[in-house]
């Protein structure tokens, strides 16, 4: 049965992180339930909208680094979210049009929009799957159709691992992808952390996800986030706040700690 004929459960009764993130970025691919929850988050922590925009900017800088400087031509974007401007394939293919990208998300509306918007030249694919079951992703035929795991691969977990509760072992999820890739592959991720100031706002925002959304939001310490890079050497400048990771304009990273999300890129040893 063609994809467009498959009945979809769009989960319009509960907010999803992907659609809430779309709302923070000013997108229109969200429902009233997502907007209401997102506004509740923003009421507790207005800086979340800035976090979302800074995270998108980090994605762009990280992918440009991986494609232009690290020479990566294969990307696996786990928990991609809804398509918007500056998608991974657009950034990577601006460096090399033959770069290949596989997008993965468990929100069915992401698959619908991605299939409608992604190029049909055979360089991209989208898989609807849950990262809490990494084996279902790593064995998926569409992944192996595009990605050669005997060559370096960049695996991206952008602002998604904090939606994985400890019981689902986020470290094991990252390790499953790491173990399938060859040395010289890369890991890029961003993850919310407990801010040095205004911790109460961050915890209140996290509670909205815990109580209303399809996934909770887990605040992890810098030490816990750095442990996700086990088996990788962090490239400069290491694990830092979003605006501090290779800013396009020097001096733009002032007051970076107010953007309480850490980011980094590592190279597999």
Protein backbone atom coordinates (compact mmCIF):
# COMPACT_ATOMS: atom_id res chain seq x y z
CA UNK A 1 0.00 0.00 0.00
CA UNK A 2 1.52 3.39 -0.91
CA UNK A 3 2.53 5.58 2.02
CA UNK A 4 -0.09 8.20 1.34
CA UNK A 5 -2.85 5.59 1.70
CA UNK A 6 -1.71 4.35 5.10
CA UNK A 7 -4.03 5.62 7.86
CA UNK A 8 -2.03 7.95 10.09
CA UNK A 9 -2.29 8.45 13.82
CA UNK A 10 -1.16 12.08 14.00
CA UNK A 11 -1.55 12.12 17.80
CA UNK A 12 -3.50 15.36 17.73
CA UNK A 13 -4.74 14.71 21.28
CA UNK A 14 -1.25 15.12 22.79
CA UNK A 15 1.58 17.53 21.97
CA UNK A 16 4.70 16.06 20.38
CA UNK A 17 8.23 17.45 20.78
CA UNK A 18 8.64 17.74 16.99
CA UNK A 19 5.55 19.89 16.55
CA UNK A 20 6.31 21.99 19.64
CA UNK A 21 9.81 22.61 18.28
CA UNK A 22 8.25 23.64 14.97
CA UNK A 23 6.13 26.17 16.88
CA UNK A 24 9.15 27.60 18.71
CA UNK A 25 10.81 28.15 15.32
CA UNK A 26 7.74 29.97 14.00
CA UNK A 27 6.52 27.09 11.84
CA UNK A 28 2.93 26.23 10.99
CA UNK A 29 3.07 22.42 11.08
CA UNK A 30 1.54 22.08 14.53
CA UNK A 31 -1.85 21.72 16.18
CA UNK A 32 -3.67 23.66 18.90
CA UNK A 33 -2.60 21.09 21.50
CA UNK A 34 1.06 21.65 20.55
CA UNK A 35 0.72 25.43 20.65
CA UNK A 36 -0.96 25.35 24.04
CA UNK A 37 1.78 23.18 25.55
CA UNK A 38 4.52 25.22 23.88
CA UNK A 39 3.06 28.44 25.28
CA UNK A 40 2.99 26.83 28.72
CA UNK A 41 6.71 26.03 28.31
CA UNK A 42 7.44 29.57 27.12
CA UNK A 43 5.54 31.01 30.05
CA UNK A 44 7.84 29.12 32.42
CA UNK A 45 11.03 29.64 30.38
CA UNK A 46 10.79 32.26 27.59
CA UNK A 47 14.36 31.49 26.55
CA UNK A 48 13.23 28.14 25.10
CA UNK A 49 12.40 29.91 21.83
CA UNK A 50 15.99 31.20 21.73
CA UNK A 51 17.26 27.69 22.52
CA UNK A 52 15.37 26.34 19.52
CA UNK A 53 16.80 28.96 17.17
CA UNK A 54 20.33 28.57 18.54
CA UNK A 55 20.03 24.80 18.17
CA UNK A 56 19.04 25.18 14.53
CA UNK A 57 22.03 27.46 13.99
CA UNK A 58 24.33 24.90 15.64
CA UNK A 59 22.97 22.22 13.31
CA UNK A 60 23.96 24.32 10.34
CA UNK A 61 27.48 25.02 11.61
CA UNK A 62 28.05 21.40 12.62
CA UNK A 63 26.92 19.96 9.28
CA UNK A 64 29.02 22.51 7.36
CA UNK A 65 32.03 21.51 9.45
CA UNK A 66 31.37 17.82 8.91
CA UNK A 67 30.93 18.18 5.15
CA UNK A 68 33.49 20.86 4.34
CA UNK A 69 36.25 20.17 6.88
CA UNK A 70 35.80 16.58 8.05
CA UNK A 71 34.96 15.30 4.56
CA UNK A 72 31.80 13.46 5.60
CA UNK A 73 29.42 12.53 2.78
CA UNK A 74 26.93 10.39 4.69
CA UNK A 75 24.58 11.65 7.41
CA UNK A 76 22.05 9.93 9.66
CA UNK A 77 19.81 12.50 11.38
CA UNK A 78 18.05 10.81 14.30
CA UNK A 79 14.98 12.62 15.60
CA UNK A 80 15.04 15.06 12.73
CA UNK A 81 11.82 16.93 13.46
CA UNK A 82 9.71 18.69 10.85
CA UNK A 83 11.48 19.93 7.71
CA UNK A 84 12.33 23.62 7.74
CA UNK A 85 14.93 25.90 6.17
CA UNK A 86 18.50 24.69 6.42
CA UNK A 87 17.88 20.95 6.49
CA UNK A 88 20.85 18.59 6.71
CA UNK A 89 20.74 17.57 3.05
CA UNK A 90 20.61 21.20 1.90
CA UNK A 91 23.69 22.13 3.93
CA UNK A 92 25.69 19.00 3.08
CA UNK A 93 24.78 19.02 -0.61
CA UNK A 94 25.85 22.65 -0.91
CA UNK A 95 29.34 21.23 -0.26
CA UNK A 96 28.90 18.05 -2.31
CA UNK A 97 25.66 17.38 -4.25
CA UNK A 98 26.25 13.64 -3.90
CA UNK A 99 26.06 13.72 -0.09
CA UNK A 100 23.50 11.23 1.24
CA UNK A 101 21.16 11.80 4.18
CA UNK A 102 18.73 9.56 6.04
CA UNK A 103 16.22 11.26 8.32
CA UNK A 104 14.61 9.37 11.20
CA UNK A 105 11.69 10.39 13.41
CA UNK A 106 8.85 8.63 15.19
CA UNK A 107 6.28 11.36 14.52
CA UNK A 108 4.18 10.28 11.50
CA UNK A 109 3.56 13.86 10.42
CA UNK A 110 7.33 14.28 10.00
CA UNK A 111 7.37 11.42 7.50
CA UNK A 112 4.46 12.87 5.57
CA UNK A 113 6.01 16.32 5.29
CA UNK A 114 9.51 15.02 4.63
CA UNK A 115 8.41 12.78 1.78
CA UNK A 116 6.61 15.73 0.20
CA UNK A 117 9.53 18.14 0.54
CA UNK A 118 12.71 16.09 0.21
CA UNK A 119 14.41 15.76 -3.20
CA UNK A 120 13.56 12.72 -5.30
CA UNK A 121 17.08 12.24 -6.69
CA UNK A 122 17.85 9.21 -4.52
CA UNK A 123 20.19 11.03 -2.13
CA UNK A 124 17.77 11.25 0.80
CA UNK A 125 15.35 9.00 2.63
CA UNK A 126 13.06 9.30 5.63
CA UNK A 127 12.35 6.47 8.06
CA UNK A 128 9.52 6.50 10.59
CA UNK A 129 11.00 4.75 13.59
CA UNK A 130 11.56 5.20 17.31
CA UNK A 131 15.15 5.74 18.45
CA UNK A 132 14.33 3.86 21.65
CA UNK A 133 14.49 0.78 19.41
CA UNK A 134 17.79 1.41 17.62
CA UNK A 135 17.96 -2.07 16.12
CA UNK A 136 14.82 -1.39 14.07
CA UNK A 137 16.61 1.61 12.58
CA UNK A 138 20.01 0.01 12.10
CA UNK A 139 18.47 -2.94 10.22
CA UNK A 140 16.13 -0.83 8.10
CA UNK A 141 16.62 -1.44 4.36
CA UNK A 142 16.32 2.27 3.51
CA UNK A 143 19.22 3.03 5.84
CA UNK A 144 21.45 0.46 4.16
CA UNK A 145 20.26 1.49 0.71
CA UNK A 146 21.82 4.94 1.15
CA UNK A 147 24.46 4.59 3.87
CA UNK A 148 27.65 2.56 3.47
CA UNK A 149 28.89 1.70 6.92
CA UNK A 150 32.35 0.76 5.68
CA UNK A 151 32.87 4.50 5.08
CA UNK A 152 32.73 7.34 7.64
CA UNK A 153 29.24 8.44 8.68
CA UNK A 154 28.03 11.39 10.74
CA UNK A 155 25.25 10.54 13.18
CA UNK A 156 23.26 13.51 14.46
CA UNK A 157 21.18 13.65 17.65
CA UNK A 158 20.10 17.28 17.65
CA UNK A 159 18.03 18.28 20.68
CA UNK A 160 16.49 14.82 20.98
CA UNK A 161 18.35 12.71 23.55
CA UNK A 162 16.86 14.72 26.41
CA UNK A 163 13.52 13.24 25.32
CA UNK A 164 14.87 9.76 26.14
CA UNK A 165 14.30 8.78 29.76
CA UNK A 166 17.06 6.93 31.58
CA UNK A 167 15.02 3.72 31.50
CA UNK A 168 15.43 3.66 27.69
CA UNK A 169 19.23 3.99 27.98
CA UNK A 170 20.24 6.99 25.84
CA UNK A 171 23.87 5.91 26.17
CA UNK A 172 23.09 2.51 24.71
CA UNK A 173 21.21 4.14 21.83
CA UNK A 174 24.21 6.30 20.90
CA UNK A 175 26.56 3.32 21.32
CA UNK A 176 24.48 1.18 18.96
CA UNK A 177 25.05 3.69 16.15
CA UNK A 178 28.69 4.19 17.14
CA UNK A 179 29.42 0.47 17.03
CA UNK A 180 28.11 0.19 13.46
CA UNK A 181 30.34 2.98 12.16
CA UNK A 182 34.02 2.93 11.24
CA UNK A 183 36.77 5.06 12.83
CA UNK A 184 36.70 8.55 11.38
CA UNK A 185 32.93 8.68 11.69
CA UNK A 186 31.45 11.52 13.73
CA UNK A 187 28.78 12.16 16.34
CA UNK A 188 27.10 15.56 16.68
CA UNK A 189 24.56 16.26 19.40
CA UNK A 190 22.91 18.92 21.51
CA UNK A 191 21.22 18.36 24.86
CA UNK A 192 19.52 20.56 27.46
CA UNK A 193 21.22 20.88 30.82
CA UNK A 194 20.42 22.42 34.19
CA UNK A 195 21.29 26.12 33.94
CA UNK A 196 23.55 27.65 36.57
CA UNK A 197 20.90 30.32 37.01
CA UNK A 198 17.11 30.02 36.91
CA UNK A 199 17.06 26.26 37.38
CA UNK A 200 13.43 26.49 38.44
CA UNK A 201 12.37 27.74 35.01
CA UNK A 202 14.12 24.86 33.27
CA UNK A 203 12.53 22.33 35.58
CA UNK A 204 9.09 23.90 35.10
CA UNK A 205 9.50 23.71 31.33
CA UNK A 206 10.60 20.07 31.60
CA UNK A 207 7.52 19.31 33.69
CA UNK A 208 5.27 20.39 30.81
CA UNK A 209 6.81 17.71 28.60
CA UNK A 210 6.62 15.15 31.39
CA UNK A 211 2.96 15.82 32.15
CA UNK A 212 1.55 16.66 28.72
CA UNK A 213 3.73 15.61 25.79
CA UNK A 214 4.38 12.23 24.20
CA UNK A 215 7.94 12.30 25.58
CA UNK A 216 9.42 13.74 28.79
CA UNK A 217 12.32 16.19 28.86
CA UNK A 218 15.27 15.15 31.02
CA UNK A 219 17.77 17.74 32.27
CA UNK A 220 21.23 16.13 32.40
CA UNK A 221 24.47 17.47 33.84
CA UNK A 222 27.47 18.39 31.63
CA UNK A 223 29.24 15.27 32.91
CA UNK A 224 26.29 13.08 31.93
CA UNK A 225 26.08 14.70 28.48
CA UNK A 226 29.81 14.33 27.88
CA UNK A 227 29.50 10.61 28.64
CA UNK A 228 27.38 10.29 25.48
CA UNK A 229 30.63 10.86 23.55
CA UNK A 230 32.23 7.68 24.90
CA UNK A 231 34.41 6.29 22.09
CA UNK A 232 34.77 9.68 20.40
CA UNK A 233 37.37 12.45 20.60
CA UNK A 234 35.64 15.82 20.92
CA UNK A 235 36.76 18.28 18.27
CA UNK A 236 37.49 21.86 19.27
CA UNK A 237 36.00 23.66 21.14
CA UNK A 238 34.69 20.56 22.94
CA UNK A 239 31.37 20.36 24.77
CA UNK A 240 30.10 23.94 25.06
CA UNK A 241 26.91 25.98 25.12
CA UNK A 242 25.23 26.27 21.72
CA UNK A 243 26.42 29.78 20.80
CA UNK A 244 30.01 28.88 21.71
CA UNK A 245 30.41 26.07 19.17
CA UNK A 246 32.36 27.67 16.30
CA UNK A 247 30.21 30.81 15.99
CA UNK A 248 30.07 32.29 12.49
CA UNK A 249 30.81 35.73 13.89
CA UNK A 250 33.44 36.07 16.65
CA UNK A 251 32.09 37.65 19.81
CA UNK A 252 28.50 36.46 19.31
CA UNK A 253 28.71 33.90 22.12
CA UNK A 254 28.37 36.35 25.01
CA UNK A 255 26.04 35.25 27.80
CA UNK A 256 26.08 31.77 26.30
CA UNK A 257 25.14 30.12 29.59
CA UNK A 258 21.69 31.67 29.33
CA UNK A 259 21.19 29.29 26.39
CA UNK A 260 21.16 26.20 28.57
CA UNK A 261 21.80 23.59 25.94
CA UNK A 262 25.20 21.97 25.45
CA UNK A 263 26.56 20.95 22.07
CA UNK A 264 29.52 19.11 20.63
CA UNK A 265 30.97 17.10 17.77
CA UNK A 266 33.16 14.05 18.26
CA UNK A 267 35.30 11.92 15.96
CA UNK A 268 35.24 8.15 16.45
CA UNK A 269 38.55 6.84 17.66
